Amino acid sequence: MSTAADILEFSLSARAAKRVAWLIEQEGQSSLMLRVSVSGGGCSGFQYAFSFDDTVHGDDRTFERDGVTAVVDESSLELLAGAEVDFVEELGGSSFQIKNPNATSSCGCGTSFAV
């Protein structure tokens, strides 16, 4: 029997996968994966967090793109269903950004959101 988390999707853009691959190469640990999570807080109610991890836990789902693996726990995935992580380079700097179709609003810096 499938659960709701079995059908939830999440993705990395080609630019994000390329940047994550470069960052992992800089770390010198090819086993690292990008962990994306959501926690309560931020100015809009929820906030995104990015980190590197080399462990997949029992409640994690993995998503691959161009040889890079993203890991999202099931609780976060419910808020990130259909979202895409992108990497953007702008005049003011570069950053990972999440295009989240579930967010009804977000803060100006894009690191927190409301549903």
C-alpha atoms as a PDB file:
ATOM      1  CA  MET A   1       0.000   0.000   0.000  1.00  0.00           C
ATOM      2  CA  SER A   2       1.400   3.408  -0.890  1.00  0.00           C
ATOM      3  CA  THR A   3       1.371   6.317   1.502  1.00  0.00           C
ATOM      4  CA  ALA A   4       0.977   9.982   0.644  1.00  0.00           C
ATOM      5  CA  ALA A   5       4.763  10.395   0.854  1.00  0.00           C
ATOM      6  CA  ASP A   6       5.202   7.698  -1.822  1.00  0.00           C
ATOM      7  CA  ILE A   7       3.601   9.906  -4.459  1.00  0.00           C
ATOM      8  CA  LEU A   8       5.038  13.283  -3.453  1.00  0.00           C
ATOM      9  CA  GLU A   9       7.648  14.653  -5.829  1.00  0.00           C
ATOM     10  CA  PHE A  10      10.554  17.006  -5.339  1.00  0.00           C
ATOM     11  CA  SER A  11      13.343  17.957  -7.754  1.00  0.00           C
ATOM     12  CA  LEU A  12      16.602  19.770  -8.355  1.00  0.00           C
ATOM     13  CA  SER A  13      17.091  21.969 -11.402  1.00  0.00           C
ATOM     14  CA  ALA A  14      20.076  21.243 -13.631  1.00  0.00           C
ATOM     15  CA  ARG A  15      21.792  24.386 -12.253  1.00  0.00           C
ATOM     16  CA  ALA A  16      21.214  23.276  -8.652  1.00  0.00           C
ATOM     17  CA  ALA A  17      22.524  19.769  -9.349  1.00  0.00           C
ATOM     18  CA  LYS A  18      25.640  21.205 -10.993  1.00  0.00           C
ATOM     19  CA  ARG A  19      26.312  23.524  -8.049  1.00  0.00           C
ATOM     20  CA  VAL A  20      25.707  20.784  -5.462  1.00  0.00           C
ATOM     21  CA  ALA A  21      28.091  18.475  -7.358  1.00  0.00           C
ATOM     22  CA  TRP A  22      30.728  21.223  -7.300  1.00  0.00           C
ATOM     23  CA  LEU A  23      30.232  21.829  -3.555  1.00  0.00           C
ATOM     24  CA  ILE A  24      30.476  18.103  -2.798  1.00  0.00           C
ATOM     25  CA  GLU A  25      33.682  17.962  -4.831  1.00  0.00           C
ATOM     26  CA  GLN A  26      35.068  20.843  -2.738  1.00  0.00           C
ATOM     27  CA  GLU A  27      34.213  18.902   0.434  1.00  0.00           C
ATOM     28  CA  GLY A  28      36.115  15.872  -0.896  1.00  0.00           C
ATOM     29  CA  GLN A  29      33.425  13.394   0.192  1.00  0.00           C
ATOM     30  CA  SER A  30      31.631  11.828  -2.755  1.00  0.00           C
ATOM     31  CA  SER A  31      29.114  10.123  -0.429  1.00  0.00           C
ATOM     32  CA  LEU A  32      27.500  13.445   0.551  1.00  0.00           C
ATOM     33  CA  MET A  33      23.910  14.258  -0.380  1.00  0.00           C
ATOM     34  CA  LEU A  34      22.010  17.547  -0.191  1.00  0.00           C
ATOM     35  CA  ARG A  35      19.530  17.429   2.674  1.00  0.00           C
ATOM     36  CA  VAL A  36      16.598  19.825   2.298  1.00  0.00           C
ATOM     37  CA  SER A  37      14.283  20.278   5.251  1.00  0.00           C
ATOM     38  CA  VAL A  38      11.547  22.512   6.583  1.00  0.00           C
ATOM     39  CA  SER A  39      11.185  23.636  10.171  1.00  0.00           C
ATOM     40  CA  GLY A  40       8.916  25.997  12.047  1.00  0.00           C
ATOM     41  CA  GLY A  41      10.191  29.547  12.265  1.00  0.00           C
ATOM     42  CA  GLY A  42      11.305  32.356  10.041  1.00  0.00           C
ATOM     43  CA  CYS A  43       9.288  35.471   9.430  1.00  0.00           C
ATOM     44  CA  SER A  44       6.574  33.638   7.464  1.00  0.00           C
ATOM     45  CA  GLY A  45       5.984  30.553   9.629  1.00  0.00           C
ATOM     46  CA  PHE A  46       8.226  27.881   8.059  1.00  0.00           C
ATOM     47  CA  GLN A  47      11.841  28.044   6.962  1.00  0.00           C
ATOM     48  CA  TYR A  48      13.964  26.053   4.545  1.00  0.00           C
ATOM     49  CA  ALA A  49      17.274  24.514   5.561  1.00  0.00           C
ATOM     50  CA  PHE A  50      20.051  23.066   3.396  1.00  0.00           C
ATOM     51  CA  SER A  51      22.876  20.854   4.648  1.00  0.00           C
ATOM     52  CA  PHE A  52      25.084  18.004   3.523  1.00  0.00           C
ATOM     53  CA  ASP A  53      24.488  14.519   4.898  1.00  0.00           C
ATOM     54  CA  ASP A  54      25.906  11.082   4.193  1.00  0.00           C
ATOM     55  CA  THR A  55      23.079   9.139   5.851  1.00  0.00           C
ATOM     56  CA  VAL A  56      19.579   8.270   4.664  1.00  0.00           C
ATOM     57  CA  HIS A  57      17.199   7.763   7.595  1.00  0.00           C
ATOM     58  CA  GLY A  58      14.098   5.565   7.644  1.00  0.00           C
ATOM     59  CA  ASP A  59      11.704   8.478   7.046  1.00  0.00           C
ATOM     60  CA  ASP A  60      13.762   9.990   4.195  1.00  0.00           C
ATOM     61  CA  ARG A  61      13.007  10.025   0.490  1.00  0.00           C
ATOM     62  CA  THR A  62      15.788  10.470  -2.052  1.00  0.00           C
ATOM     63  CA  PHE A  63      15.626  12.283  -5.376  1.00  0.00           C
ATOM     64  CA  GLU A  64      18.384  12.202  -7.990  1.00  0.00           C
ATOM     65  CA  ARG A  65      19.406  14.540 -10.786  1.00  0.00           C
ATOM     66  CA  ASP A  66      22.585  14.370 -12.871  1.00  0.00           C
ATOM     67  CA  GLY A  67      24.387  12.176 -10.332  1.00  0.00           C
ATOM     68  CA  VAL A  68      23.432  14.300  -7.308  1.00  0.00           C
ATOM     69  CA  THR A  69      21.107  13.028  -4.579  1.00  0.00           C
ATOM     70  CA  ALA A  70      18.765  15.215  -2.558  1.00  0.00           C
ATOM     71  CA  VAL A  71      17.331  13.839   0.693  1.00  0.00           C
ATOM     72  CA  VAL A  72      14.049  15.062   2.183  1.00  0.00           C
ATOM     73  CA  ASP A  73      12.345  13.689   5.303  1.00  0.00           C
ATOM     74  CA  GLU A  74       8.664  12.779   4.970  1.00  0.00           C
ATOM     75  CA  SER A  75       7.426  15.606   7.221  1.00  0.00           C
ATOM     76  CA  SER A  76       9.281  18.215   5.157  1.00  0.00           C
ATOM     77  CA  LEU A  77       8.217  16.552   1.915  1.00  0.00           C
ATOM     78  CA  GLU A  78       4.567  17.176   2.734  1.00  0.00           C
ATOM     79  CA  LEU A  79       5.340  20.925   2.635  1.00  0.00           C
ATOM     80  CA  LEU A  80       7.703  20.581  -0.358  1.00  0.00           C
ATOM     81  CA  ALA A  81       5.525  18.406  -2.620  1.00  0.00           C
ATOM     82  CA  GLY A  82       6.094  19.502  -6.216  1.00  0.00           C
ATOM     83  CA  ALA A  83       8.851  21.949  -5.250  1.00  0.00           C
ATOM     84  CA  GLU A  84      12.114  22.464  -7.131  1.00  0.00           C
ATOM     85  CA  VAL A  85      15.460  23.639  -5.781  1.00  0.00           C
ATOM     86  CA  ASP A  86      17.193  26.015  -8.175  1.00  0.00           C
ATOM     87  CA  PHE A  87      20.548  27.780  -8.012  1.00  0.00           C
ATOM     88  CA  VAL A  88      20.514  31.398  -9.117  1.00  0.00           C
ATOM     89  CA  GLU A  89      23.338  33.842  -9.655  1.00  0.00           C
ATOM     90  CA  GLU A  90      22.364  37.488  -9.518  1.00  0.00           C
ATOM     91  CA  LEU A  91      24.189  40.770  -9.211  1.00  0.00           C
ATOM     92  CA  GLY A  92      23.682  40.727  -5.433  1.00  0.00           C
ATOM     93  CA  GLY A  93      25.004  37.184  -5.013  1.00  0.00           C
ATOM     94  CA  SER A  94      24.186  33.568  -5.627  1.00  0.00           C
ATOM     95  CA  SER A  95      21.932  31.240  -3.669  1.00  0.00           C
ATOM     96  CA  PHE A  96      19.785  28.156  -3.697  1.00  0.00           C
ATOM     97  CA  GLN A  97      16.103  29.000  -4.014  1.00  0.00           C
ATOM     98  CA  ILE A  98      13.066  26.791  -3.689  1.00  0.00           C
ATOM     99  CA  LYS A  99      10.160  27.173  -6.078  1.00  0.00           C
ATOM    100  CA  ASN A 100       7.411  25.797  -3.847  1.00  0.00           C
ATOM    101  CA  PRO A 101       3.883  25.555  -5.267  1.00  0.00           C
ATOM    102  CA  ASN A 102       2.511  25.023  -1.729  1.00  0.00           C
ATOM    103  CA  ALA A 103       3.722  28.379  -0.397  1.00  0.00           C
ATOM    104  CA  THR A 104       0.976  30.982  -0.209  1.00  0.00           C
ATOM    105  CA  SER A 105       3.481  33.704   0.714  1.00  0.00           C
ATOM    106  CA  SER A 106       7.159  34.055   1.444  1.00  0.00           C
ATOM    107  CA  CYS A 107       9.529  36.551   2.987  1.00  0.00           C
ATOM    108  CA  GLY A 108      11.617  38.924   0.896  1.00  0.00           C
ATOM    109  CA  CYS A 109      14.764  36.826   1.167  1.00  0.00           C
ATOM    110  CA  GLY A 110      12.967  33.613   0.150  1.00  0.00           C
ATOM    111  CA  THR A 111      14.121  31.503   3.086  1.00  0.00           C
ATOM    112  CA  SER A 112      10.778  31.306   4.864  1.00  0.00           C
ATOM    113  CA  PHE A 113       7.236  30.718   3.692  1.00  0.00           C
ATOM    114  CA  ALA A 114       3.619  30.216   4.755  1.00  0.00           C
ATOM    115  CA  VAL A 115       1.111  27.617   3.575  1.00  0.00           C
END
